[in-house]
Amino acid sequence: MGMPFELNTLIVTKGNEKRQEENLFTLEKSGYRLYPIDIPVEVRHSLKSEKRANAVIKKVEWANEKTLLTYQLISLHSIN
């Protein structure tokens, strides 16, 4: 039996991100998700919303059928 996972090329926060430091955030997502690391990706509030920022993903952790994402904002397009 294989491990189900999802490949994502942007970060969708749905308002669940947590600030760790000035521009460093963590986000917990359900299921196992794979993200590109160390390259800029878009950050959006929802799939249909406009781009809010660009970020670089620093770390992806998988445990207990959840993905913990650590990312750093590199440019901000919206304050909302």
Protein backbone atom coordinates (compact mmCIF):
# COMPACT_ATOMS: atom_id res chain seq x y z
CA MET A 1 0.00 0.00 0.00
CA GLY A 2 1.40 3.39 -0.97
CA MET A 3 1.40 6.62 0.96
CA PRO A 4 -1.07 9.15 -0.53
CA PHE A 5 0.38 12.61 -1.02
CA GLU A 6 -0.40 15.81 -2.90
CA LEU A 7 2.02 17.96 -4.92
CA ASN A 8 1.50 21.71 -4.34
CA THR A 9 3.14 24.59 -6.22
CA LEU A 10 1.65 27.42 -4.15
CA ILE A 11 0.84 28.03 -0.50
CA VAL A 12 -2.86 28.39 0.38
CA THR A 13 -3.15 29.63 3.97
CA LYS A 14 -6.92 30.01 4.57
CA GLY A 15 -5.84 32.30 7.43
CA ASN A 16 -4.24 29.45 9.40
CA GLU A 17 -0.61 30.58 9.17
CA LYS A 18 1.29 31.36 12.38
CA ARG A 19 4.04 33.96 12.56
CA GLN A 20 7.24 32.63 14.14
CA GLU A 21 9.48 35.63 13.50
CA GLU A 22 9.25 38.80 11.43
CA ASN A 23 8.94 37.15 7.99
CA LEU A 24 8.95 33.47 9.02
CA PHE A 25 5.66 31.56 9.21
CA THR A 26 4.45 28.01 9.83
CA LEU A 27 1.35 26.41 8.39
CA GLU A 28 -0.14 23.01 9.19
CA LYS A 29 -2.03 21.26 6.39
CA SER A 30 -3.96 17.99 6.56
CA GLY A 31 -2.52 15.05 4.66
CA TYR A 32 0.94 14.60 3.19
CA ARG A 33 1.90 17.38 0.79
CA LEU A 34 5.03 17.93 -1.22
CA TYR A 35 6.24 21.50 -1.91
CA PRO A 36 9.25 22.90 -3.80
CA ILE A 37 11.95 24.07 -1.40
CA ASP A 38 14.24 27.11 -1.77
CA ILE A 39 12.47 28.61 -4.79
CA PRO A 40 9.84 31.40 -4.75
CA VAL A 41 6.19 30.30 -4.69
CA GLU A 42 2.95 32.28 -4.47
CA VAL A 43 1.07 32.70 -1.19
CA ARG A 44 -2.73 33.02 -1.40
CA HIS A 45 -5.53 33.09 1.15
CA SER A 46 -7.61 30.69 -0.98
CA LEU A 47 -7.23 29.02 -4.35
CA LYS A 48 -9.45 31.63 -6.01
CA SER A 49 -8.02 34.70 -4.27
CA GLU A 50 -5.35 36.97 -5.69
CA LYS A 51 -1.69 36.48 -4.89
CA ARG A 52 -0.83 38.02 -1.48
CA ALA A 53 2.91 37.40 -1.39
CA ASN A 54 5.85 35.36 -2.59
CA ALA A 55 7.64 33.05 -0.18
CA VAL A 56 10.49 30.60 -0.04
CA ILE A 57 9.73 27.33 1.71
CA LYS A 58 12.47 26.49 4.18
CA LYS A 59 11.23 23.21 5.67
CA VAL A 60 8.54 20.57 5.10
CA GLU A 61 7.78 18.06 7.87
CA TRP A 62 5.44 15.07 7.60
CA ALA A 63 3.95 13.38 10.67
CA ASN A 64 0.61 11.93 11.78
CA GLU A 65 -1.03 12.48 8.36
CA LYS A 66 -0.21 16.21 8.49
CA THR A 67 2.30 18.48 6.78
CA LEU A 68 4.02 21.28 8.69
CA LEU A 69 5.35 23.94 6.37
CA THR A 70 7.89 26.60 7.37
CA TYR A 71 8.23 29.46 4.91
CA GLN A 72 9.73 32.95 4.69
CA LEU A 73 7.98 35.82 2.94
CA ILE A 74 10.22 37.51 0.39
CA SER A 75 7.75 40.00 -1.10
CA LEU A 76 4.31 41.21 -0.06
CA HIS A 77 1.60 42.16 -2.57
CA SER A 78 -1.31 42.81 -0.20
CA ILE A 79 -1.67 43.71 3.46
CA ASN A 80 -5.00 41.87 3.83
